[in-house]
PDB file of N, CA and C in Angstrom:
ATOM      1  N   MET A   1       0.841  -1.171   0.000  1.00  0.00           N
ATOM      2  CA  MET A   1       0.000   0.000   0.000  1.00  0.00           C
ATOM      3  C   MET A   1       0.893   1.244   0.000  1.00  0.00           C
ATOM      4  N   ALA A   2       0.570   2.188  -0.820  1.00  0.00           N
ATOM      5  CA  ALA A   2       1.368   3.416  -0.919  1.00  0.00           C
ATOM      6  C   ALA A   2       1.135   4.287   0.304  1.00  0.00           C
ATOM      7  N   ARG A   3       2.198   4.954   0.739  1.00  0.00           N
ATOM      8  CA  ARG A   3       2.088   5.876   1.872  1.00  0.00           C
ATOM      9  C   ARG A   3       1.430   7.162   1.428  1.00  0.00           C
ATOM     10  N   ALA A   4       0.679   7.740   2.350  1.00  0.00           N
ATOM     11  CA  ALA A   4       0.060   9.040   2.076  1.00  0.00           C
ATOM     12  C   ALA A   4       1.144  10.099   2.020  1.00  0.00           C
ATOM     13  N   ALA A   5       0.909  11.115   1.247  1.00  0.00           N
ATOM     14  CA  ALA A   5       1.860  12.210   1.150  1.00  0.00           C
ATOM     15  C   ALA A   5       2.031  12.864   2.510  1.00  0.00           C
ATOM     16  N   THR A   6       3.274  13.154   2.867  1.00  0.00           N
ATOM     17  CA  THR A   6       3.537  13.754   4.173  1.00  0.00           C
ATOM     18  C   THR A   6       3.634  15.265   4.086  1.00  0.00           C
ATOM     19  N   THR A   7       3.451  15.795   2.909  1.00  0.00           N
ATOM     20  CA  THR A   7       3.625  17.232   2.743  1.00  0.00           C
ATOM     21  C   THR A   7       2.309  17.984   2.648  1.00  0.00           C
ATOM     22  N   SER A   8       1.202  17.324   2.914  1.00  0.00           N
ATOM     23  CA  SER A   8      -0.078  17.988   2.720  1.00  0.00           C
ATOM     24  C   SER A   8      -0.397  19.017   3.804  1.00  0.00           C
ATOM     25  N   ASP A   9       0.012  18.766   5.043  1.00  0.00           N
ATOM     26  CA  ASP A   9      -0.263  19.730   6.111  1.00  0.00           C
ATOM     27  C   ASP A   9       0.663  19.484   7.292  1.00  0.00           C
ATOM     28  N   ALA A  10       0.572  20.365   8.274  1.00  0.00           N
ATOM     29  CA  ALA A  10       1.443  20.277   9.449  1.00  0.00           C
ATOM     30  C   ALA A  10       1.207  18.984  10.226  1.00  0.00           C
ATOM     31  N   PHE A  11      -0.028  18.518  10.291  1.00  0.00           N
ATOM     32  CA  PHE A  11      -0.336  17.298  11.025  1.00  0.00           C
ATOM     33  C   PHE A  11       0.434  16.109  10.459  1.00  0.00           C
ATOM     34  N   ASN A  12       0.397  15.964   9.140  1.00  0.00           N
ATOM     35  CA  ASN A  12       1.114  14.861   8.519  1.00  0.00           C
ATOM     36  C   ASN A  12       2.622  15.024   8.681  1.00  0.00           C
ATOM     37  N   ALA A  13       3.100  16.238   8.558  1.00  0.00           N
ATOM     38  CA  ALA A  13       4.538  16.479   8.659  1.00  0.00           C
ATOM     39  C   ALA A  13       5.064  16.139  10.052  1.00  0.00           C
ATOM     40  N   ILE A  14       4.337  16.522  11.096  1.00  0.00           N
ATOM     41  CA  ILE A  14       4.835  16.274  12.449  1.00  0.00           C
ATOM     42  C   ILE A  14       4.494  14.873  12.963  1.00  0.00           C
ATOM     43  N   ALA A  15       3.817  14.082  12.151  1.00  0.00           N
ATOM     44  CA  ALA A  15       3.561  12.700  12.544  1.00  0.00           C
ATOM     45  C   ALA A  15       4.866  11.908  12.605  1.00  0.00           C
ATOM     46  N   GLU A  16       5.875  12.353  11.911  1.00  0.00           N
ATOM     47  CA  GLU A  16       7.186  11.699  11.873  1.00  0.00           C
ATOM     48  C   GLU A  16       8.003  12.190  13.070  1.00  0.00           C
ATOM     49  N   PRO A  17       8.410  11.281  13.984  1.00  0.00           N
ATOM     50  CA  PRO A  17       9.126  11.689  15.196  1.00  0.00           C
ATOM     51  C   PRO A  17      10.408  12.495  14.947  1.00  0.00           C
ATOM     52  N   GLN A  18      11.141  12.159  13.911  1.00  0.00           N
ATOM     53  CA  GLN A  18      12.381  12.900  13.651  1.00  0.00           C
ATOM     54  C   GLN A  18      12.086  14.341  13.226  1.00  0.00           C
ATOM     55  N   ARG A  19      10.988  14.562  12.564  1.00  0.00           N
ATOM     56  CA  ARG A  19      10.612  15.934  12.199  1.00  0.00           C
ATOM     57  C   ARG A  19      10.225  16.728  13.434  1.00  0.00           C
ATOM     58  N   ARG A  20       9.537  16.074  14.353  1.00  0.00           N
ATOM     59  CA  ARG A  20       9.207  16.762  15.604  1.00  0.00           C
ATOM     60  C   ARG A  20      10.489  17.126  16.356  1.00  0.00           C
ATOM     61  N   GLN A  21      11.471  16.233  16.331  1.00  0.00           N
ATOM     62  CA  GLN A  21      12.732  16.513  17.002  1.00  0.00           C
ATOM     63  C   GLN A  21      13.453  17.680  16.339  1.00  0.00           C
ATOM     64  N   ILE A  22      13.391  17.777  15.028  1.00  0.00           N
ATOM     65  CA  ILE A  22      13.982  18.917  14.318  1.00  0.00           C
ATOM     66  C   ILE A  22      13.336  20.208  14.807  1.00  0.00           C
ATOM     67  N   LEU A  23      12.023  20.223  14.926  1.00  0.00           N
ATOM     68  CA  LEU A  23      11.332  21.423  15.399  1.00  0.00           C
ATOM     69  C   LEU A  23      11.773  21.782  16.815  1.00  0.00           C
ATOM     70  N   VAL A  24      11.964  20.773  17.650  1.00  0.00           N
ATOM     71  CA  VAL A  24      12.440  21.024  19.017  1.00  0.00           C
ATOM     72  C   VAL A  24      13.827  21.669  18.972  1.00  0.00           C
ATOM     73  N   LEU A  25      14.703  21.144  18.135  1.00  0.00           N
ATOM     74  CA  LEU A  25      16.049  21.709  18.029  1.00  0.00           C
ATOM     75  C   LEU A  25      16.021  23.140  17.510  1.00  0.00           C
ATOM     76  N   LEU A  26      15.092  23.427  16.613  1.00  0.00           N
ATOM     77  CA  LEU A  26      15.022  24.765  16.026  1.00  0.00           C
ATOM     78  C   LEU A  26      14.354  25.788  16.950  1.00  0.00           C
ATOM     79  N   ARG A  27      13.744  25.333  18.033  1.00  0.00           N
ATOM     80  CA  ARG A  27      13.164  26.284  18.994  1.00  0.00           C
ATOM     81  C   ARG A  27      14.224  27.221  19.557  1.00  0.00           C
ATOM     82  N   ASP A  28      15.461  26.729  19.642  1.00  0.00           N
ATOM     83  CA  ASP A  28      16.549  27.531  20.206  1.00  0.00           C
ATOM     84  C   ASP A  28      17.179  28.464  19.190  1.00  0.00           C
ATOM     85  N   GLY A  29      16.725  28.403  17.945  1.00  0.00           N
ATOM     86  CA  GLY A  29      17.239  29.320  16.931  1.00  0.00           C
ATOM     87  C   GLY A  29      17.725  28.611  15.684  1.00  0.00           C
ATOM     88  N   GLU A  30      18.151  29.420  14.777  1.00  0.00           N
ATOM     89  CA  GLU A  30      18.590  29.003  13.439  1.00  0.00           C
ATOM     90  C   GLU A  30      19.771  28.024  13.532  1.00  0.00           C
ATOM     91  N   ARG A  31      19.730  26.976  12.682  1.00  0.00           N
ATOM     92  CA  ARG A  31      20.798  25.973  12.675  1.00  0.00           C
ATOM     93  C   ARG A  31      21.058  25.506  11.252  1.00  0.00           C
ATOM     94  N   PRO A  32      22.305  25.175  10.942  1.00  0.00           N
ATOM     95  CA  PRO A  32      22.608  24.597   9.626  1.00  0.00           C
ATOM     96  C   PRO A  32      22.197  23.128   9.587  1.00  0.00           C
ATOM     97  N   VAL A  33      21.915  22.641   8.411  1.00  0.00           N
ATOM     98  CA  VAL A  33      21.461  21.268   8.234  1.00  0.00           C
ATOM     99  C   VAL A  33      22.496  20.270   8.752  1.00  0.00           C
ATOM    100  N   THR A  34      23.774  20.563   8.582  1.00  0.00           N
ATOM    101  CA  THR A  34      24.813  19.625   9.040  1.00  0.00           C
ATOM    102  C   THR A  34      24.759  19.454  10.551  1.00  0.00           C
ATOM    103  N   GLU A  35      24.517  20.529  11.271  1.00  0.00           N
ATOM    104  CA  GLU A  35      24.424  20.472  12.728  1.00  0.00           C
ATOM    105  C   GLU A  35      23.183  19.699  13.159  1.00  0.00           C
ATOM    106  N   LEU A  36      22.074  19.950  12.495  1.00  0.00           N
ATOM    107  CA  LEU A  36      20.843  19.220  12.811  1.00  0.00           C
ATOM    108  C   LEU A  36      21.030  17.729  12.574  1.00  0.00           C
ATOM    109  N   ALA A  37      21.630  17.386  11.451  1.00  0.00           N
ATOM    110  CA  ALA A  37      21.861  15.972  11.123  1.00  0.00           C
ATOM    111  C   ALA A  37      22.725  15.312  12.183  1.00  0.00           C
ATOM    112  N   GLN A  38      23.771  15.989  12.600  1.00  0.00           N
ATOM    113  CA  GLN A  38      24.672  15.436  13.607  1.00  0.00           C
ATOM    114  C   GLN A  38      23.924  15.224  14.928  1.00  0.00           C
ATOM    115  N   ASP A  39      23.159  16.215  15.363  1.00  0.00           N
ATOM    116  CA  ASP A  39      22.417  16.102  16.623  1.00  0.00           C
ATOM    117  C   ASP A  39      21.374  14.995  16.581  1.00  0.00           C
ATOM    118  N   LEU A  40      20.838  14.721  15.399  1.00  0.00           N
ATOM    119  CA  LEU A  40      19.812  13.689  15.245  1.00  0.00           C
ATOM    120  C   LEU A  40      20.395  12.310  14.932  1.00  0.00           C
ATOM    121  N   GLY A  41      21.697  12.256  14.684  1.00  0.00           N
ATOM    122  CA  GLY A  41      22.329  10.979  14.363  1.00  0.00           C
ATOM    123  C   GLY A  41      21.909  10.430  13.019  1.00  0.00           C
ATOM    124  N   MET A  42      21.757  11.313  12.045  1.00  0.00           N
ATOM    125  CA  MET A  42      21.363  10.885  10.703  1.00  0.00           C
ATOM    126  C   MET A  42      22.275  11.543   9.684  1.00  0.00           C
ATOM    127  N   SER A  43      22.187  11.082   8.473  1.00  0.00           N
ATOM    128  CA  SER A  43      22.988  11.672   7.407  1.00  0.00           C
ATOM    129  C   SER A  43      22.423  13.033   7.013  1.00  0.00           C
ATOM    130  N   GLN A  44      23.247  13.841   6.397  1.00  0.00           N
ATOM    131  CA  GLN A  44      22.808  15.160   5.942  1.00  0.00           C
ATOM    132  C   GLN A  44      21.691  15.040   4.909  1.00  0.00           C
ATOM    133  N   PRO A  45      21.779  14.099   3.949  1.00  0.00           N
ATOM    134  CA  PRO A  45      20.664  13.961   2.997  1.00  0.00           C
ATOM    135  C   PRO A  45      19.337  13.584   3.673  1.00  0.00           C
ATOM    136  N   GLN A  46      19.394  12.729   4.702  1.00  0.00           N
ATOM    137  CA  GLN A  46      18.166  12.375   5.420  1.00  0.00           C
ATOM    138  C   GLN A  46      17.577  13.603   6.106  1.00  0.00           C
ATOM    139  N   ALA A  47      18.428  14.365   6.780  1.00  0.00           N
ATOM    140  CA  ALA A  47      17.966  15.579   7.458  1.00  0.00           C
ATOM    141  C   ALA A  47      17.384  16.562   6.450  1.00  0.00           C
ATOM    142  N   SER A  48      18.037  16.683   5.295  1.00  0.00           N
ATOM    143  CA  SER A  48      17.551  17.603   4.262  1.00  0.00           C
ATOM    144  C   SER A  48      16.165  17.209   3.769  1.00  0.00           C
ATOM    145  N   LYS A  49      15.904  15.918   3.647  1.00  0.00           N
ATOM    146  CA  LYS A  49      14.577  15.457   3.214  1.00  0.00           C
ATOM    147  C   LYS A  49      13.514  15.847   4.235  1.00  0.00           C
ATOM    148  N   HIS A  50      13.818  15.644   5.505  1.00  0.00           N
ATOM    149  CA  HIS A  50      12.868  16.021   6.548  1.00  0.00           C
ATOM    150  C   HIS A  50      12.648  17.537   6.551  1.00  0.00           C
ATOM    151  N   LEU A  51      13.719  18.284   6.397  1.00  0.00           N
ATOM    152  CA  LEU A  51      13.610  19.742   6.380  1.00  0.00           C
ATOM    153  C   LEU A  51      12.810  20.229   5.181  1.00  0.00           C
ATOM    154  N   ARG A  52      12.938  19.554   4.062  1.00  0.00           N
ATOM    155  CA  ARG A  52      12.161  19.926   2.876  1.00  0.00           C
ATOM    156  C   ARG A  52      10.666  19.787   3.160  1.00  0.00           C
ATOM    157  N   VAL A  53      10.285  18.676   3.785  1.00  0.00           N
ATOM    158  CA  VAL A  53       8.879  18.465   4.129  1.00  0.00           C
ATOM    159  C   VAL A  53       8.396  19.559   5.079  1.00  0.00           C
ATOM    160  N   LEU A  54       9.192  19.847   6.102  1.00  0.00           N
ATOM    161  CA  LEU A  54       8.813  20.880   7.060  1.00  0.00           C
ATOM    162  C   LEU A  54       8.717  22.255   6.398  1.00  0.00           C
ATOM    163  N   ARG A  55       9.594  22.515   5.453  1.00  0.00           N
ATOM    164  CA  ARG A  55       9.562  23.789   4.730  1.00  0.00           C
ATOM    165  C   ARG A  55       8.321  23.875   3.845  1.00  0.00           C
ATOM    166  N   GLU A  56       7.980  22.785   3.177  1.00  0.00           N
ATOM    167  CA  GLU A  56       6.839  22.785   2.263  1.00  0.00           C
ATOM    168  C   GLU A  56       5.507  23.021   2.970  1.00  0.00           C
ATOM    169  N   VAL A  57       5.417  22.632   4.238  1.00  0.00           N
ATOM    170  CA  VAL A  57       4.170  22.859   4.973  1.00  0.00           C
ATOM    171  C   VAL A  57       4.227  24.129   5.816  1.00  0.00           C
ATOM    172  N   GLY A  58       5.317  24.861   5.710  1.00  0.00           N
ATOM    173  CA  GLY A  58       5.418  26.162   6.386  1.00  0.00           C
ATOM    174  C   GLY A  58       5.851  26.119   7.833  1.00  0.00           C
ATOM    175  N   LEU A  59       6.568  25.067   8.241  1.00  0.00           N
ATOM    176  CA  LEU A  59       7.016  24.975   9.626  1.00  0.00           C
ATOM    177  C   LEU A  59       8.451  25.448   9.826  1.00  0.00           C
ATOM    178  N   VAL A  60       9.214  25.509   8.751  1.00  0.00           N
ATOM    179  CA  VAL A  60      10.579  26.038   8.834  1.00  0.00           C
ATOM    180  C   VAL A  60      10.828  26.978   7.662  1.00  0.00           C
ATOM    181  N   ARG A  61      11.761  27.895   7.893  1.00  0.00           N
ATOM    182  CA  ARG A  61      12.247  28.802   6.850  1.00  0.00           C
ATOM    183  C   ARG A  61      13.705  28.458   6.612  1.00  0.00           C
ATOM    184  N   VAL A  62      14.172  28.777   5.425  1.00  0.00           N
ATOM    185  CA  VAL A  62      15.580  28.541   5.115  1.00  0.00           C
ATOM    186  C   VAL A  62      16.165  29.801   4.502  1.00  0.00           C
ATOM    187  N   ARG A  63      17.426  30.052   4.820  1.00  0.00           N
ATOM    188  CA  ARG A  63      18.110  31.171   4.190  1.00  0.00           C
ATOM    189  C   ARG A  63      19.535  30.726   3.862  1.00  0.00           C
ATOM    190  N   GLU A  64      20.046  31.305   2.799  1.00  0.00           N
ATOM    191  CA  GLU A  64      21.414  31.012   2.375  1.00  0.00           C
ATOM    192  C   GLU A  64      22.364  31.923   3.138  1.00  0.00           C
ATOM    193  N   ALA A  65      23.454  31.356   3.628  1.00  0.00           N
ATOM    194  CA  ALA A  65      24.514  32.119   4.291  1.00  0.00           C
ATOM    195  C   ALA A  65      25.835  31.564   3.777  1.00  0.00           C
ATOM    196  N   GLY A  66      26.298  32.138   2.688  1.00  0.00           N
ATOM    197  CA  GLY A  66      27.489  31.582   2.044  1.00  0.00           C
ATOM    198  C   GLY A  66      27.156  30.231   1.452  1.00  0.00           C
ATOM    199  N   LYS A  67      27.912  29.222   1.842  1.00  0.00           N
ATOM    200  CA  LYS A  67      27.671  27.860   1.341  1.00  0.00           C
ATOM    201  C   LYS A  67      26.667  27.103   2.202  1.00  0.00           C
ATOM    202  N   GLN A  68      26.294  27.680   3.328  1.00  0.00           N
ATOM    203  CA  GLN A  68      25.381  26.996   4.233  1.00  0.00           C
ATOM    204  C   GLN A  68      23.927  27.381   3.976  1.00  0.00           C
ATOM    205  N   ARG A  69      23.073  26.434   4.301  1.00  0.00           N
ATOM    206  CA  ARG A  69      21.632  26.696   4.339  1.00  0.00           C
ATOM    207  C   ARG A  69      21.247  26.644   5.803  1.00  0.00           C
ATOM    208  N   LEU A  70      20.728  27.754   6.304  1.00  0.00           N
ATOM    209  CA  LEU A  70      20.343  27.842   7.711  1.00  0.00           C
ATOM    210  C   LEU A  70      18.829  27.724   7.840  1.00  0.00           C
ATOM    211  N   TYR A  71      18.402  26.870   8.741  1.00  0.00           N
ATOM    212  CA  TYR A  71      16.980  26.611   8.944  1.00  0.00           C
ATOM    213  C   TYR A  71      16.536  27.230  10.257  1.00  0.00           C
ATOM    214  N   ASP A  72      15.308  27.729  10.246  1.00  0.00           N
ATOM    215  CA  ASP A  72      14.740  28.390  11.407  1.00  0.00           C
ATOM    216  C   ASP A  72      13.281  27.969  11.547  1.00  0.00           C
ATOM    217  N   LEU A  73      12.816  27.865  12.761  1.00  0.00           N
ATOM    218  CA  LEU A  73      11.432  27.498  13.042  1.00  0.00           C
ATOM    219  C   LEU A  73      10.479  28.616  12.629  1.00  0.00           C
ATOM    220  N   ASP A  74       9.387  28.239  12.001  1.00  0.00           N
ATOM    221  CA  ASP A  74       8.305  29.174  11.711  1.00  0.00           C
ATOM    222  C   ASP A  74       7.063  28.611  12.406  1.00  0.00           C
ATOM    223  N   ALA A  75       6.931  28.927  13.679  1.00  0.00           N
ATOM    224  CA  ALA A  75       5.885  28.325  14.517  1.00  0.00           C
ATOM    225  C   ALA A  75       4.476  28.721  14.101  1.00  0.00           C
ATOM    226  N   ARG A  76       4.342  29.734  13.244  1.00  0.00           N
ATOM    227  CA  ARG A  76       2.995  30.105  12.788  1.00  0.00           C
ATOM    228  C   ARG A  76       2.309  28.930  12.103  1.00  0.00           C
ATOM    229  N   GLY A  77       3.097  28.070  11.473  1.00  0.00           N
ATOM    230  CA  GLY A  77       2.535  26.905  10.797  1.00  0.00           C
ATOM    231  C   GLY A  77       1.945  25.880  11.745  1.00  0.00           C
ATOM    232  N   LEU A  78       2.284  25.998  13.027  1.00  0.00           N
ATOM    233  CA  LEU A  78       1.750  25.066  14.024  1.00  0.00           C
ATOM    234  C   LEU A  78       0.401  25.503  14.586  1.00  0.00           C
ATOM    235  N   ARG A  79      -0.096  26.667  14.170  1.00  0.00           N
ATOM    236  CA  ARG A  79      -1.362  27.172  14.709  1.00  0.00           C
ATOM    237  C   ARG A  79      -2.504  26.161  14.574  1.00  0.00           C
ATOM    238  N   PRO A  80      -2.701  25.507  13.416  1.00  0.00           N
ATOM    239  CA  PRO A  80      -3.799  24.530  13.332  1.00  0.00           C
ATOM    240  C   PRO A  80      -3.639  23.385  14.334  1.00  0.00           C
ATOM    241  N   VAL A  81      -2.418  22.960  14.575  1.00  0.00           N
ATOM    242  CA  VAL A  81      -2.162  21.885  15.537  1.00  0.00           C
ATOM    243  C   VAL A  81      -2.491  22.389  16.941  1.00  0.00           C
ATOM    244  N   HIS A  82      -2.038  23.587  17.252  1.00  0.00           N
ATOM    245  CA  HIS A  82      -2.298  24.188  18.566  1.00  0.00           C
ATOM    246  C   HIS A  82      -3.798  24.312  18.818  1.00  0.00           C
ATOM    247  N   GLU A  83      -4.526  24.776  17.830  1.00  0.00           N
ATOM    248  CA  GLU A  83      -5.970  24.945  17.987  1.00  0.00           C
ATOM    249  C   GLU A  83      -6.668  23.606  18.171  1.00  0.00           C
ATOM    250  N   TRP A  84      -6.225  22.601  17.439  1.00  0.00           N
ATOM    251  CA  TRP A  84      -6.829  21.279  17.550  1.00  0.00           C
ATOM    252  C   TRP A  84      -6.548  20.679  18.924  1.00  0.00           C
ATOM    253  N   VAL A  85      -5.314  20.787  19.383  1.00  0.00           N
ATOM    254  CA  VAL A  85      -4.936  20.253  20.688  1.00  0.00           C
ATOM    255  C   VAL A  85      -5.652  21.009  21.802  1.00  0.00           C
ATOM    256  N   GLY A  86      -5.957  22.280  21.582  1.00  0.00           N
ATOM    257  CA  GLY A  86      -6.647  23.077  22.586  1.00  0.00           C
ATOM    258  C   GLY A  86      -7.957  22.461  23.032  1.00  0.00           C
ATOM    259  N   GLY A  87      -8.669  21.805  22.140  1.00  0.00           N
ATOM    260  CA  GLY A  87      -9.906  21.133  22.511  1.00  0.00           C
ATOM    261  C   GLY A  87      -9.673  20.026  23.522  1.00  0.00           C
ATOM    262  N   PHE A  88      -8.568  19.340  23.389  1.00  0.00           N
ATOM    263  CA  PHE A  88      -8.239  18.278  24.334  1.00  0.00           C
ATOM    264  C   PHE A  88      -7.750  18.861  25.653  1.00  0.00           C
ATOM    265  N   GLU A  89      -7.134  20.019  25.600  1.00  0.00           N
ATOM    266  CA  GLU A  89      -6.704  20.688  26.825  1.00  0.00           C
ATOM    267  C   GLU A  89      -7.930  20.993  27.691  1.00  0.00           C
ATOM    268  N   ARG A  90      -8.988  21.478  27.076  1.00  0.00           N
ATOM    269  CA  ARG A  90     -10.219  21.754  27.821  1.00  0.00           C
ATOM    270  C   ARG A  90     -10.771  20.464  28.440  1.00  0.00           C
ATOM    271  N   PHE A  91     -10.711  19.369  27.688  1.00  0.00           N
ATOM    272  CA  PHE A  91     -11.172  18.076  28.200  1.00  0.00           C
ATOM    273  C   PHE A  91     -10.377  17.687  29.441  1.00  0.00           C
ATOM    274  N   TRP A  92      -9.049  17.762  29.341  1.00  0.00           N
ATOM    275  CA  TRP A  92      -8.207  17.349  30.466  1.00  0.00           C
ATOM    276  C   TRP A  92      -8.359  18.289  31.651  1.00  0.00           C
ATOM    277  N   ASN A  93      -8.501  19.567  31.421  1.00  0.00           N
ATOM    278  CA  ASN A  93      -8.714  20.500  32.525  1.00  0.00           C
ATOM    279  C   ASN A  93     -10.000  20.157  33.272  1.00  0.00           C
ATOM    280  N   ALA A  94     -11.051  19.835  32.541  1.00  0.00           N
ATOM    281  CA  ALA A  94     -12.309  19.458  33.176  1.00  0.00           C
ATOM    282  C   ALA A  94     -12.144  18.150  33.957  1.00  0.00           C
ATOM    283  N   ALA A  95     -11.436  17.185  33.380  1.00  0.00           N
ATOM    284  CA  ALA A  95     -11.215  15.900  34.049  1.00  0.00           C
ATOM    285  C   ALA A  95     -10.395  16.093  35.323  1.00  0.00           C
ATOM    286  N   PHE A  96      -9.363  16.916  35.256  1.00  0.00           N
ATOM    287  CA  PHE A  96      -8.554  17.164  36.444  1.00  0.00           C
ATOM    288  C   PHE A  96      -9.345  17.945  37.483  1.00  0.00           C
ATOM    289  N   GLY A  97     -10.231  18.818  37.031  1.00  0.00           N
ATOM    290  CA  GLY A  97     -11.098  19.539  37.957  1.00  0.00           C
ATOM    291  C   GLY A  97     -11.996  18.576  38.728  1.00  0.00           C
ATOM    292  N   ARG A  98     -12.570  17.604  38.030  1.00  0.00           N
ATOM    293  CA  ARG A  98     -13.418  16.601  38.696  1.00  0.00           C
ATOM    294  C   ARG A  98     -12.595  15.754  39.659  1.00  0.00           C
ATOM    295  N   LEU A  99     -11.390  15.395  39.258  1.00  0.00           N
ATOM    296  CA  LEU A  99     -10.510  14.608  40.125  1.00  0.00           C
ATOM    297  C   LEU A  99     -10.163  15.401  41.383  1.00  0.00           C
ATOM    298  N   ASP A 100      -9.878  16.675  41.223  1.00  0.00           N
ATOM    299  CA  ASP A 100      -9.556  17.523  42.379  1.00  0.00           C
ATOM    300  C   ASP A 100     -10.740  17.593  43.342  1.00  0.00           C
ATOM    301  N   GLU A 101     -11.944  17.739  42.812  1.00  0.00           N
ATOM    302  CA  GLU A 101     -13.139  17.761  43.666  1.00  0.00           C
ATOM    303  C   GLU A 101     -13.267  16.459  44.460  1.00  0.00           C
ATOM    304  N   TYR A 102     -13.021  15.340  43.784  1.00  0.00           N
ATOM    305  CA  TYR A 102     -13.111  14.032  44.439  1.00  0.00           C
ATOM    306  C   TYR A 102     -12.065  13.907  45.546  1.00  0.00           C
ATOM    307  N   VAL A 103     -10.842  14.339  45.269  1.00  0.00           N
ATOM    308  CA  VAL A 103      -9.770  14.277  46.274  1.00  0.00           C
ATOM    309  C   VAL A 103     -10.131  15.146  47.477  1.00  0.00           C
ATOM    310  N   GLN A 104     -10.687  16.323  47.223  1.00  0.00           N
ATOM    311  CA  GLN A 104     -11.088  17.206  48.326  1.00  0.00           C
ATOM    312  C   GLN A 104     -12.179  16.543  49.175  1.00  0.00           C
ATOM    313  N   GLU A 105     -13.119  15.861  48.535  1.00  0.00           N
ATOM    314  CA  GLU A 105     -14.162  15.144  49.268  1.00  0.00           C
ATOM    315  C   GLU A 105     -13.558  14.051  50.138  1.00  0.00           C
ATOM    316  N   LEU A 106     -12.592  13.302  49.582  1.00  0.00           N
ATOM    317  CA  LEU A 106     -11.928  12.249  50.358  1.00  0.00           C
ATOM    318  C   LEU A 106     -11.196  12.828  51.558  1.00  0.00           C
ATOM    319  N   LYS A 107     -10.530  13.957  51.378  1.00  0.00           N
ATOM    320  CA  LYS A 107      -9.812  14.597  52.483  1.00  0.00           C
ATOM    321  C   LYS A 107     -10.773  15.005  53.591  1.00  0.00           C
ATOM    322  N   GLN A 108     -11.917  15.557  53.186  1.00  0.00           N
ATOM    323  CA  GLN A 108     -12.907  15.976  54.178  1.00  0.00           C
ATOM    324  C   GLN A 108     -13.445  14.778  54.952  1.00  0.00           C
ATOM    325  N   GLU A 109     -13.672  13.677  54.251  1.00  0.00           N
ATOM    326  CA  GLU A 109     -14.157  12.463  54.912  1.00  0.00           C
ATOM    327  C   GLU A 109     -13.123  11.933  55.892  1.00  0.00           C
ATOM    328  N   ARG A 110     -11.856  11.972  55.525  1.00  0.00           N
ATOM    329  CA  ARG A 110     -10.791  11.498  56.412  1.00  0.00           C
ATOM    330  C   ARG A 110     -10.667  12.391  57.646  1.00  0.00           C
ATOM    331  N   GLN A 111     -10.834  13.693  57.436  1.00  0.00           N
ATOM    332  CA  GLN A 111     -10.716  14.623  58.557  1.00  0.00           C
ATOM    333  C   GLN A 111     -11.853  14.421  59.559  1.00  0.00           C
ATOM    334  N   LYS A 112     -13.025  14.034  59.060  1.00  0.00           N
ATOM    335  CA  LYS A 112     -14.139  13.753  59.965  1.00  0.00           C
ATOM    336  C   LYS A 112     -13.804  12.577  60.862  1.00  0.00           C
ATOM    337  N   GLY A 113     -13.194  11.567  60.262  1.00  0.00           N
ATOM    338  CA  GLY A 113     -12.814  10.383  61.018  1.00  0.00           C
ATOM    339  C   GLY A 113     -13.993   9.493  61.334  1.00  0.00           C
ATOM    340  N   PRO A 114     -13.730   8.280  61.805  1.00  0.00           N
ATOM    341  CA  PRO A 114     -14.802   7.318  62.077  1.00  0.00           C
ATOM    342  C   PRO A 114     -15.677   7.749  63.247  1.00  0.00           C
ATOM    343  N   GLN A 115     -15.145   8.515  64.191  1.00  0.00           N
ATOM    344  CA  GLN A 115     -15.943   8.926  65.347  1.00  0.00           C
ATOM    345  C   GLN A 115     -17.048   9.890  64.981  1.00  0.00           C
ATOM    346  N   ASP A 116     -16.911  10.605  63.846  1.00  0.00           N
ATOM    347  CA  ASP A 116     -17.918  11.585  63.433  1.00  0.00           C
ATOM    348  C   ASP A 116     -19.086  10.946  62.675  1.00  0.00           C
ATOM    349  N   GLU A 117     -18.955   9.707  62.348  1.00  0.00           N
ATOM    350  CA  GLU A 117     -19.993   9.062  61.545  1.00  0.00           C
ATOM    351  C   GLU A 117     -21.089   8.482  62.357  1.00  0.00           C
TER     352      GLU A 117
END
């Protein structure tokens, strides 16, 4: 079965763990492809392929600096991912809120002790 194109959107691009790691490395600023490849333990051509995908979906920018190509994070491309994940954040906040209420009830019951019942 043929693989789906990974360049269609940010979701598909970041589904690949090594691409997510590249984005993490680029959070600290602009880096050359050779440095990224070394930090990821991959060849420069492999890193370049991942960077191409990230560039095509708008997650990284590239600029020429002499013979080097420097890559930089463009986090604006992550907005759809952030918005989608935000819905789950609300879910977890509500779940943790219910858990906190339950824990508070248990604490109150313990403080009453068996003699109060």
